[in-house]
Amino acid sequence: IYHPKYPYYAAVELGEGIDRLVCMSKFPILSYERLN
């Protein structure tokens, strides 16, 4: 659904089945990581 507008998508889990953080962008995402 998001891809036509936001071709770059990254997500990290905060815990098993707990939650997720998502970043969507019109700009290239070079890398991403969870900050522990």
PDB file of all heavy atoms in Angstrom:
ATOM      1  N   ILE A   1       0.834  -1.205   0.000  1.00  0.00           N
ATOM      2  CA  ILE A   1       0.000   0.000   0.000  1.00  0.00           C
ATOM      3  C   ILE A   1       0.875   1.264   0.000  1.00  0.00           C
ATOM      4  O   ILE A   1       0.626   2.213  -0.743  1.00  0.00           O
ATOM      5  CB  ILE A   1      -0.943   0.012   1.223  1.00  0.00           C
ATOM      6  CG1 ILE A   1      -2.004  -1.076   1.081  1.00  0.00           C
ATOM      7  CG2 ILE A   1      -1.597   1.380   1.399  1.00  0.00           C
ATOM      8  CD1 ILE A   1      -2.794  -1.331   2.355  1.00  0.00           C
ATOM      9  N   TYR A   2       1.917   1.270   0.817  1.00  0.00           N
ATOM     10  CA  TYR A   2       2.761   2.453   0.967  1.00  0.00           C
ATOM     11  C   TYR A   2       3.783   2.632  -0.167  1.00  0.00           C
ATOM     12  O   TYR A   2       4.238   3.739  -0.415  1.00  0.00           O
ATOM     13  CB  TYR A   2       3.530   2.412   2.287  1.00  0.00           C
ATOM     14  CG  TYR A   2       2.703   2.689   3.514  1.00  0.00           C
ATOM     15  CD1 TYR A   2       2.747   1.849   4.615  1.00  0.00           C
ATOM     16  CD2 TYR A   2       1.892   3.813   3.598  1.00  0.00           C
ATOM     17  CE1 TYR A   2       2.010   2.111   5.763  1.00  0.00           C
ATOM     18  CE2 TYR A   2       1.153   4.091   4.732  1.00  0.00           C
ATOM     19  CZ  TYR A   2       1.216   3.230   5.813  1.00  0.00           C
ATOM     20  OH  TYR A   2       0.489   3.509   6.935  1.00  0.00           O
ATOM     21  N   HIS A   3       4.162   1.539  -0.832  1.00  0.00           N
ATOM     22  CA  HIS A   3       5.286   1.569  -1.770  1.00  0.00           C
ATOM     23  C   HIS A   3       5.210   2.651  -2.853  1.00  0.00           C
ATOM     24  O   HIS A   3       6.223   3.303  -3.115  1.00  0.00           O
ATOM     25  CB  HIS A   3       5.506   0.204  -2.409  1.00  0.00           C
ATOM     26  CG  HIS A   3       6.705   0.176  -3.294  1.00  0.00           C
ATOM     27  ND1 HIS A   3       7.986   0.135  -2.784  1.00  0.00           N
ATOM     28  CD2 HIS A   3       6.831   0.227  -4.632  1.00  0.00           C
ATOM     29  CE1 HIS A   3       8.840   0.149  -3.786  1.00  0.00           C
ATOM     30  NE2 HIS A   3       8.171   0.200  -4.915  1.00  0.00           N
ATOM     31  N   PRO A   4       4.069   2.891  -3.500  1.00  0.00           N
ATOM     32  CA  PRO A   4       4.069   3.932  -4.533  1.00  0.00           C
ATOM     33  C   PRO A   4       4.498   5.305  -4.006  1.00  0.00           C
ATOM     34  O   PRO A   4       5.155   6.065  -4.707  1.00  0.00           O
ATOM     35  CB  PRO A   4       2.616   3.961  -5.021  1.00  0.00           C
ATOM     36  CG  PRO A   4       2.085   2.607  -4.698  1.00  0.00           C
ATOM     37  CD  PRO A   4       2.774   2.205  -3.424  1.00  0.00           C
ATOM     38  N   LYS A   5       4.127   5.621  -2.772  1.00  0.00           N
ATOM     39  CA  LYS A   5       4.463   6.932  -2.210  1.00  0.00           C
ATOM     40  C   LYS A   5       5.759   6.888  -1.401  1.00  0.00           C
ATOM     41  O   LYS A   5       6.511   7.857  -1.373  1.00  0.00           O
ATOM     42  CB  LYS A   5       3.322   7.427  -1.325  1.00  0.00           C
ATOM     43  CG  LYS A   5       3.452   8.881  -0.969  1.00  0.00           C
ATOM     44  CD  LYS A   5       2.125   9.424  -0.511  1.00  0.00           C
ATOM     45  CE  LYS A   5       2.148  10.924  -0.568  1.00  0.00           C
ATOM     46  NZ  LYS A   5       0.852  11.497  -0.321  1.00  0.00           N
ATOM     47  N   TYR A   6       5.997   5.781  -0.727  1.00  0.00           N
ATOM     48  CA  TYR A   6       7.177   5.607   0.126  1.00  0.00           C
ATOM     49  C   TYR A   6       7.913   4.335  -0.289  1.00  0.00           C
ATOM     50  O   TYR A   6       7.704   3.270   0.299  1.00  0.00           O
ATOM     51  CB  TYR A   6       6.768   5.549   1.609  1.00  0.00           C
ATOM     52  CG  TYR A   6       6.061   6.796   2.050  1.00  0.00           C
ATOM     53  CD1 TYR A   6       4.687   6.822   2.260  1.00  0.00           C
ATOM     54  CD2 TYR A   6       6.774   7.979   2.223  1.00  0.00           C
ATOM     55  CE1 TYR A   6       4.040   7.982   2.645  1.00  0.00           C
ATOM     56  CE2 TYR A   6       6.125   9.149   2.604  1.00  0.00           C
ATOM     57  CZ  TYR A   6       4.771   9.137   2.810  1.00  0.00           C
ATOM     58  OH  TYR A   6       4.132  10.287   3.177  1.00  0.00           O
ATOM     59  N   PRO A   7       8.779   4.448  -1.289  1.00  0.00           N
ATOM     60  CA  PRO A   7       9.454   3.247  -1.783  1.00  0.00           C
ATOM     61  C   PRO A   7      10.501   2.678  -0.827  1.00  0.00           C
ATOM     62  O   PRO A   7      10.939   1.546  -0.999  1.00  0.00           O
ATOM     63  CB  PRO A   7      10.101   3.719  -3.085  1.00  0.00           C
ATOM     64  CG  PRO A   7      10.227   5.196  -2.951  1.00  0.00           C
ATOM     65  CD  PRO A   7       9.094   5.636  -2.074  1.00  0.00           C
ATOM     66  N   TYR A   8      10.881   3.444   0.184  1.00  0.00           N
ATOM     67  CA  TYR A   8      11.892   2.983   1.130  1.00  0.00           C
ATOM     68  C   TYR A   8      11.234   2.743   2.487  1.00  0.00           C
ATOM     69  O   TYR A   8      10.547   3.622   3.022  1.00  0.00           O
ATOM     70  CB  TYR A   8      13.034   3.996   1.232  1.00  0.00           C
ATOM     71  CG  TYR A   8      13.645   4.252  -0.122  1.00  0.00           C
ATOM     72  CD1 TYR A   8      13.268   5.375  -0.866  1.00  0.00           C
ATOM     73  CD2 TYR A   8      14.526   3.349  -0.684  1.00  0.00           C
ATOM     74  CE1 TYR A   8      13.795   5.595  -2.125  1.00  0.00           C
ATOM     75  CE2 TYR A   8      15.056   3.556  -1.946  1.00  0.00           C
ATOM     76  CZ  TYR A   8      14.682   4.683  -2.663  1.00  0.00           C
ATOM     77  OH  TYR A   8      15.189   4.888  -3.918  1.00  0.00           O
ATOM     78  N   TYR A   9      11.427   1.557   3.036  1.00  0.00           N
ATOM     79  CA  TYR A   9      10.706   1.100   4.221  1.00  0.00           C
ATOM     80  C   TYR A   9      11.671   0.334   5.118  1.00  0.00           C
ATOM     81  O   TYR A   9      12.402  -0.539   4.646  1.00  0.00           O
ATOM     82  CB  TYR A   9       9.576   0.180   3.764  1.00  0.00           C
ATOM     83  CG  TYR A   9       8.655  -0.334   4.835  1.00  0.00           C
ATOM     84  CD1 TYR A   9       7.419   0.258   5.037  1.00  0.00           C
ATOM     85  CD2 TYR A   9       8.987  -1.431   5.616  1.00  0.00           C
ATOM     86  CE1 TYR A   9       6.550  -0.220   6.010  1.00  0.00           C
ATOM     87  CE2 TYR A   9       8.127  -1.910   6.590  1.00  0.00           C
ATOM     88  CZ  TYR A   9       6.915  -1.297   6.775  1.00  0.00           C
ATOM     89  OH  TYR A   9       6.057  -1.776   7.730  1.00  0.00           O
ATOM     90  N   ALA A  10      11.687   0.661   6.401  1.00  0.00           N
ATOM     91  CA  ALA A  10      12.511  -0.058   7.376  1.00  0.00           C
ATOM     92  C   ALA A  10      11.702  -0.234   8.650  1.00  0.00           C
ATOM     93  O   ALA A  10      10.936   0.650   9.032  1.00  0.00           O
ATOM     94  CB  ALA A  10      13.792   0.711   7.665  1.00  0.00           C
ATOM     95  N   ALA A  11      11.868  -1.373   9.298  1.00  0.00           N
ATOM     96  CA  ALA A  11      11.153  -1.642  10.545  1.00  0.00           C
ATOM     97  C   ALA A  11      12.038  -2.446  11.484  1.00  0.00           C
ATOM     98  O   ALA A  11      12.832  -3.269  11.039  1.00  0.00           O
ATOM     99  CB  ALA A  11       9.863  -2.408  10.259  1.00  0.00           C
ATOM    100  N   VAL A  12      11.903  -2.178  12.768  1.00  0.00           N
ATOM    101  CA  VAL A  12      12.600  -2.955  13.795  1.00  0.00           C
ATOM    102  C   VAL A  12      11.598  -3.368  14.866  1.00  0.00           C
ATOM    103  O   VAL A  12      10.651  -2.647  15.162  1.00  0.00           O
ATOM    104  CB  VAL A  12      13.778  -2.181  14.437  1.00  0.00           C
ATOM    105  CG1 VAL A  12      14.838  -1.844  13.402  1.00  0.00           C
ATOM    106  CG2 VAL A  12      13.318  -0.947  15.165  1.00  0.00           C
ATOM    107  N   GLU A  13      11.846  -4.541  15.420  1.00  0.00           N
ATOM    108  CA  GLU A  13      11.019  -5.057  16.501  1.00  0.00           C
ATOM    109  C   GLU A  13      11.559  -4.529  17.830  1.00  0.00           C
ATOM    110  O   GLU A  13      12.776  -4.468  18.031  1.00  0.00           O
ATOM    111  CB  GLU A  13      11.067  -6.587  16.517  1.00  0.00           C
ATOM    112  CG  GLU A  13      10.565  -7.232  15.247  1.00  0.00           C
ATOM    113  CD  GLU A  13       9.084  -7.053  15.026  1.00  0.00           C
ATOM    114  OE1 GLU A  13       8.321  -7.076  16.013  1.00  0.00           O
ATOM    115  OE2 GLU A  13       8.693  -6.888  13.860  1.00  0.00           O
ATOM    116  N   LEU A  14      10.656  -4.185  18.734  1.00  0.00           N
ATOM    117  CA  LEU A  14      11.067  -3.769  20.072  1.00  0.00           C
ATOM    118  C   LEU A  14      11.054  -4.932  21.043  1.00  0.00           C
ATOM    119  O   LEU A  14      11.552  -4.837  22.134  1.00  0.00           O
ATOM    120  CB  LEU A  14      10.186  -2.635  20.592  1.00  0.00           C
ATOM    121  CG  LEU A  14      10.285  -1.327  19.832  1.00  0.00           C
ATOM    122  CD1 LEU A  14       9.438  -0.267  20.496  1.00  0.00           C
ATOM    123  CD2 LEU A  14      11.724  -0.866  19.712  1.00  0.00           C
ATOM    124  N   GLY A  15      10.466  -6.007  20.653  1.00  0.00           N
ATOM    125  CA  GLY A  15      10.406  -7.215  21.468  1.00  0.00           C
ATOM    126  C   GLY A  15       9.480  -8.194  20.784  1.00  0.00           C
ATOM    127  O   GLY A  15       8.639  -7.805  19.969  1.00  0.00           O
ATOM    128  N   GLU A  16       9.633  -9.445  21.091  1.00  0.00           N
ATOM    129  CA  GLU A  16       8.835 -10.465  20.416  1.00  0.00           C
ATOM    130  C   GLU A  16       7.346 -10.242  20.658  1.00  0.00           C
ATOM    131  O   GLU A  16       6.861 -10.360  21.778  1.00  0.00           O
ATOM    132  CB  GLU A  16       9.241 -11.854  20.909  1.00  0.00           C
ATOM    133  CG  GLU A  16       8.620 -12.957  20.084  1.00  0.00           C
ATOM    134  CD  GLU A  16       9.138 -14.320  20.505  1.00  0.00           C
ATOM    135  OE1 GLU A  16      10.315 -14.428  20.876  1.00  0.00           O
ATOM    136  OE2 GLU A  16       8.330 -15.261  20.459  1.00  0.00           O
ATOM    137  N   GLY A  17       6.647  -9.883  19.600  1.00  0.00           N
ATOM    138  CA  GLY A  17       5.216  -9.649  19.673  1.00  0.00           C
ATOM    139  C   GLY A  17       4.806  -8.392  20.414  1.00  0.00           C
ATOM    140  O   GLY A  17       3.628  -8.161  20.646  1.00  0.00           O
ATOM    141  N   ILE A  18       5.781  -7.556  20.801  1.00  0.00           N
ATOM    142  CA  ILE A  18       5.442  -6.373  21.605  1.00  0.00           C
ATOM    143  C   ILE A  18       5.105  -5.184  20.722  1.00  0.00           C
ATOM    144  O   ILE A  18       4.017  -4.639  20.769  1.00  0.00           O
ATOM    145  CB  ILE A  18       6.588  -6.003  22.571  1.00  0.00           C
ATOM    146  CG1 ILE A  18       6.782  -7.123  23.587  1.00  0.00           C
ATOM    147  CG2 ILE A  18       6.301  -4.698  23.282  1.00  0.00           C
ATOM    148  CD1 ILE A  18       7.968  -6.921  24.492  1.00  0.00           C
ATOM    149  N   ASP A  19       6.057  -4.760  19.917  1.00  0.00           N
ATOM    150  CA  ASP A  19       5.846  -3.525  19.169  1.00  0.00           C
ATOM    151  C   ASP A  19       6.831  -3.437  18.022  1.00  0.00           C
ATOM    152  O   ASP A  19       7.795  -4.187  17.943  1.00  0.00           O
ATOM    153  CB  ASP A  19       6.008  -2.319  20.090  1.00  0.00           C
ATOM    154  CG  ASP A  19       5.217  -1.117  19.614  1.00  0.00           C
ATOM    155  OD1 ASP A  19       4.734  -1.133  18.467  1.00  0.00           O
ATOM    156  OD2 ASP A  19       5.092  -0.159  20.379  1.00  0.00           O
ATOM    157  N   ARG A  20       6.596  -2.483  17.142  1.00  0.00           N
ATOM    158  CA  ARG A  20       7.462  -2.269  15.988  1.00  0.00           C
ATOM    159  C   ARG A  20       7.576  -0.775  15.723  1.00  0.00           C
ATOM    160  O   ARG A  20       6.615  -0.034  15.829  1.00  0.00           O
ATOM    161  CB  ARG A  20       6.850  -2.961  14.774  1.00  0.00           C
ATOM    162  CG  ARG A  20       7.563  -2.685  13.482  1.00  0.00           C
ATOM    163  CD  ARG A  20       6.965  -3.463  12.342  1.00  0.00           C
ATOM    164  NE  ARG A  20       7.357  -4.849  12.532  1.00  0.00           N
ATOM    165  CZ  ARG A  20       6.668  -5.879  12.088  1.00  0.00           C
ATOM    166  NH1 ARG A  20       5.560  -5.694  11.428  1.00  0.00           N
ATOM    167  NH2 ARG A  20       7.075  -7.103  12.302  1.00  0.00           N
ATOM    168  N   LEU A  21       8.793  -0.349  15.382  1.00  0.00           N
ATOM    169  CA  LEU A  21       9.034   1.004  14.899  1.00  0.00           C
ATOM    170  C   LEU A  21       9.212   0.919  13.392  1.00  0.00           C
ATOM    171  O   LEU A  21       9.868   0.012  12.892  1.00  0.00           O
ATOM    172  CB  LEU A  21      10.289   1.599  15.525  1.00  0.00           C
ATOM    173  CG  LEU A  21      10.270   1.803  17.031  1.00  0.00           C
ATOM    174  CD1 LEU A  21      11.637   2.272  17.505  1.00  0.00           C
ATOM    175  CD2 LEU A  21       9.211   2.805  17.423  1.00  0.00           C
ATOM    176  N   VAL A  22       8.655   1.887  12.676  1.00  0.00           N
ATOM    177  CA  VAL A  22       8.707   1.884  11.215  1.00  0.00           C
ATOM    178  C   VAL A  22       9.175   3.252  10.733  1.00  0.00           C
ATOM    179  O   VAL A  22       8.764   4.283  11.278  1.00  0.00           O
ATOM    180  CB  VAL A  22       7.313   1.574  10.610  1.00  0.00           C
ATOM    181  CG1 VAL A  22       7.334   1.642   9.097  1.00  0.00           C
ATOM    182  CG2 VAL A  22       6.812   0.215  11.077  1.00  0.00           C
ATOM    183  N   CYS A  23      10.002   3.243   9.709  1.00  0.00           N
ATOM    184  CA  CYS A  23      10.394   4.468   9.014  1.00  0.00           C
ATOM    185  C   CYS A  23      10.110   4.249   7.532  1.00  0.00           C
ATOM    186  O   CYS A  23      10.537   3.248   6.949  1.00  0.00           O
ATOM    187  CB  CYS A  23      11.868   4.764   9.231  1.00  0.00           C
ATOM    188  SG  CYS A  23      12.440   6.199   8.292  1.00  0.00           S
ATOM    189  N   MET A  24       9.366   5.162   6.930  1.00  0.00           N
ATOM    190  CA  MET A  24       9.079   5.118   5.497  1.00  0.00           C
ATOM    191  C   MET A  24       9.561   6.427   4.905  1.00  0.00           C
ATOM    192  O   MET A  24       9.407   7.483   5.515  1.00  0.00           O
ATOM    193  CB  MET A  24       7.592   4.934   5.243  1.00  0.00           C
ATOM    194  CG  MET A  24       7.050   3.639   5.797  1.00  0.00           C
ATOM    195  SD  MET A  24       5.309   3.408   5.472  1.00  0.00           S
ATOM    196  CE  MET A  24       4.597   4.794   6.308  1.00  0.00           C
ATOM    197  N   SER A  25      10.115   6.348   3.693  1.00  0.00           N
ATOM    198  CA  SER A  25      10.744   7.542   3.151  1.00  0.00           C
ATOM    199  C   SER A  25      10.651   7.596   1.636  1.00  0.00           C
ATOM    200  O   SER A  25      10.628   6.570   0.956  1.00  0.00           O
ATOM    201  CB  SER A  25      12.220   7.542   3.581  1.00  0.00           C
ATOM    202  OG  SER A  25      12.917   8.605   2.997  1.00  0.00           O
ATOM    203  N   LYS A  26      10.625   8.825   1.139  1.00  0.00           N
ATOM    204  CA  LYS A  26      10.767   9.054  -0.298  1.00  0.00           C
ATOM    205  C   LYS A  26      12.242   9.065  -0.673  1.00  0.00           C
ATOM    206  O   LYS A  26      12.580   9.010  -1.847  1.00  0.00           O
ATOM    207  CB  LYS A  26      10.110  10.381  -0.685  1.00  0.00           C
ATOM    208  CG  LYS A  26       8.603  10.371  -0.493  1.00  0.00           C
ATOM    209  CD  LYS A  26       7.999  11.712  -0.857  1.00  0.00           C
ATOM    210  CE  LYS A  26       6.494  11.700  -0.632  1.00  0.00           C
ATOM    211  NZ  LYS A  26       5.888  12.994  -0.952  1.00  0.00           N
ATOM    212  N   PHE A  27      13.117   9.153   0.346  1.00  0.00           N
ATOM    213  CA  PHE A  27      14.564   9.167   0.147  1.00  0.00           C
ATOM    214  C   PHE A  27      15.125   7.776   0.451  1.00  0.00           C
ATOM    215  O   PHE A  27      14.601   7.072   1.317  1.00  0.00           O
ATOM    216  CB  PHE A  27      15.224  10.191   1.076  1.00  0.00           C
ATOM    217  CG  PHE A  27      14.676  11.575   0.929  1.00  0.00           C
ATOM    218  CD1 PHE A  27      13.837  12.107   1.893  1.00  0.00           C
ATOM    219  CD2 PHE A  27      14.993  12.345  -0.176  1.00  0.00           C
ATOM    220  CE1 PHE A  27      13.328  13.383   1.773  1.00  0.00           C
ATOM    221  CE2 PHE A  27      14.488  13.636  -0.306  1.00  0.00           C
ATOM    222  CZ  PHE A  27      13.650  14.154   0.658  1.00  0.00           C
ATOM    223  N   PRO A  28      16.208   7.394  -0.204  1.00  0.00           N
ATOM    224  CA  PRO A  28      16.799   6.080   0.063  1.00  0.00           C
ATOM    225  C   PRO A  28      17.221   5.919   1.530  1.00  0.00           C
ATOM    226  O   PRO A  28      17.802   6.830   2.126  1.00  0.00           O
ATOM    227  CB  PRO A  28      18.027   6.043  -0.853  1.00  0.00           C
ATOM    228  CG  PRO A  28      17.734   7.024  -1.935  1.00  0.00           C
ATOM    229  CD  PRO A  28      16.906   8.097  -1.287  1.00  0.00           C
ATOM    230  N   ILE A  29      16.908   4.776   2.093  1.00  0.00           N
ATOM    231  CA  ILE A  29      17.378   4.401   3.427  1.00  0.00           C
ATOM    232  C   ILE A  29      18.644   3.583   3.211  1.00  0.00           C
ATOM    233  O   ILE A  29      18.598   2.482   2.671  1.00  0.00           O
ATOM    234  CB  ILE A  29      16.312   3.601   4.204  1.00  0.00           C
ATOM    235  CG1 ILE A  29      15.061   4.460   4.426  1.00  0.00           C
ATOM    236  CG2 ILE A  29      16.875   3.112   5.529  1.00  0.00           C
ATOM    237  CD1 ILE A  29      13.887   3.722   5.060  1.00  0.00           C
ATOM    238  N   LEU A  30      19.772   4.140   3.616  1.00  0.00           N
ATOM    239  CA  LEU A  30      21.059   3.486   3.404  1.00  0.00           C
ATOM    240  C   LEU A  30      21.283   2.337   4.390  1.00  0.00           C
ATOM    241  O   LEU A  30      21.840   1.303   4.038  1.00  0.00           O
ATOM    242  CB  LEU A  30      22.199   4.499   3.519  1.00  0.00           C
ATOM    243  CG  LEU A  30      22.135   5.683   2.551  1.00  0.00           C
ATOM    244  CD1 LEU A  30      23.234   6.686   2.867  1.00  0.00           C
ATOM    245  CD2 LEU A  30      22.241   5.197   1.115  1.00  0.00           C
ATOM    246  N   SER A  31      20.877   2.557   5.632  1.00  0.00           N
ATOM    247  CA  SER A  31      21.001   1.532   6.666  1.00  0.00           C
ATOM    248  C   SER A  31      20.074   1.897   7.821  1.00  0.00           C
ATOM    249  O   SER A  31      19.623   3.037   7.932  1.00  0.00           O
ATOM    250  CB  SER A  31      22.446   1.414   7.162  1.00  0.00           C
ATOM    251  OG  SER A  31      22.846   2.608   7.799  1.00  0.00           O
ATOM    252  N   TYR A  32      19.800   0.912   8.655  1.00  0.00           N
ATOM    253  CA  TYR A  32      18.984   1.159   9.840  1.00  0.00           C
ATOM    254  C   TYR A  32      19.306   0.114  10.886  1.00  0.00           C
ATOM    255  O   TYR A  32      19.803  -0.971  10.574  1.00  0.00           O
ATOM    256  CB  TYR A  32      17.486   1.187   9.518  1.00  0.00           C
ATOM    257  CG  TYR A  32      16.932  -0.135   9.046  1.00  0.00           C
ATOM    258  CD1 TYR A  32      16.331  -1.022   9.933  1.00  0.00           C
ATOM    259  CD2 TYR A  32      17.017  -0.498   7.716  1.00  0.00           C
ATOM    260  CE1 TYR A  32      15.818  -2.231   9.500  1.00  0.00           C
ATOM    261  CE2 TYR A  32      16.502  -1.696   7.273  1.00  0.00           C
ATOM    262  CZ  TYR A  32      15.909  -2.562   8.167  1.00  0.00           C
ATOM    263  OH  TYR A  32      15.412  -3.758   7.744  1.00  0.00           O
ATOM    264  N   GLU A  33      19.037   0.470  12.138  1.00  0.00           N
ATOM    265  CA  GLU A  33      19.291  -0.459  13.231  1.00  0.00           C
ATOM    266  C   GLU A  33      18.458  -0.074  14.440  1.00  0.00           C
ATOM    267  O   GLU A  33      18.064   1.082  14.600  1.00  0.00           O
ATOM    268  CB  GLU A  33      20.765  -0.453  13.622  1.00  0.00           C
ATOM    269  CG  GLU A  33      21.232   0.889  14.184  1.00  0.00           C
ATOM    270  CD  GLU A  33      22.703   0.904  14.527  1.00  0.00           C
ATOM    271  OE1 GLU A  33      23.149   0.014  15.264  1.00  0.00           O
ATOM    272  OE2 GLU A  33      23.395   1.823  14.050  1.00  0.00           O
ATOM    273  N   ARG A  34      18.201  -1.059  15.260  1.00  0.00           N
ATOM    274  CA  ARG A  34      17.564  -0.805  16.545  1.00  0.00           C
ATOM    275  C   ARG A  34      18.642  -0.300  17.497  1.00  0.00           C
ATOM    276  O   ARG A  34      19.765  -0.796  17.508  1.00  0.00           O
ATOM    277  CB  ARG A  34      16.950  -2.085  17.088  1.00  0.00           C
ATOM    278  CG  ARG A  34      16.308  -1.875  18.432  1.00  0.00           C
ATOM    279  CD  ARG A  34      15.722  -3.138  18.988  1.00  0.00           C
ATOM    280  NE  ARG A  34      15.352  -2.877  20.369  1.00  0.00           N
ATOM    281  CZ  ARG A  34      14.965  -3.801  21.205  1.00  0.00           C
ATOM    282  NH1 ARG A  34      14.881  -5.046  20.823  1.00  0.00           N
ATOM    283  NH2 ARG A  34      14.666  -3.487  22.437  1.00  0.00           N
ATOM    284  N   LEU A  35      18.311   0.716  18.287  1.00  0.00           N
ATOM    285  CA  LEU A  35      19.207   1.215  19.319  1.00  0.00           C
ATOM    286  C   LEU A  35      18.835   0.502  20.616  1.00  0.00           C
ATOM    287  O   LEU A  35      17.721   0.670  21.126  1.00  0.00           O
ATOM    288  CB  LEU A  35      19.075   2.733  19.462  1.00  0.00           C
ATOM    289  CG  LEU A  35      19.365   3.526  18.187  1.00  0.00           C
ATOM    290  CD1 LEU A  35      19.093   5.000  18.398  1.00  0.00           C
ATOM    291  CD2 LEU A  35      20.789   3.293  17.721  1.00  0.00           C
ATOM    292  N   ASN A  36      19.727  -0.305  21.105  1.00  0.00           N
ATOM    293  CA  ASN A  36      19.418  -1.160  22.253  1.00  0.00           C
ATOM    294  C   ASN A  36      19.713  -0.461  23.571  1.00  0.00           C
ATOM    295  O   ASN A  36      20.787   0.089  23.767  1.00  0.00           O
ATOM    296  CB  ASN A  36      20.233  -2.454  22.176  1.00  0.00           C
ATOM    297  CG  ASN A  36      19.788  -3.307  21.014  1.00  0.00           C
ATOM    298  OD1 ASN A  36      18.603  -3.534  20.829  1.00  0.00           O
ATOM    299  ND2 ASN A  36      20.726  -3.766  20.221  1.00  0.00           N
TER     300      ASN A  36
END
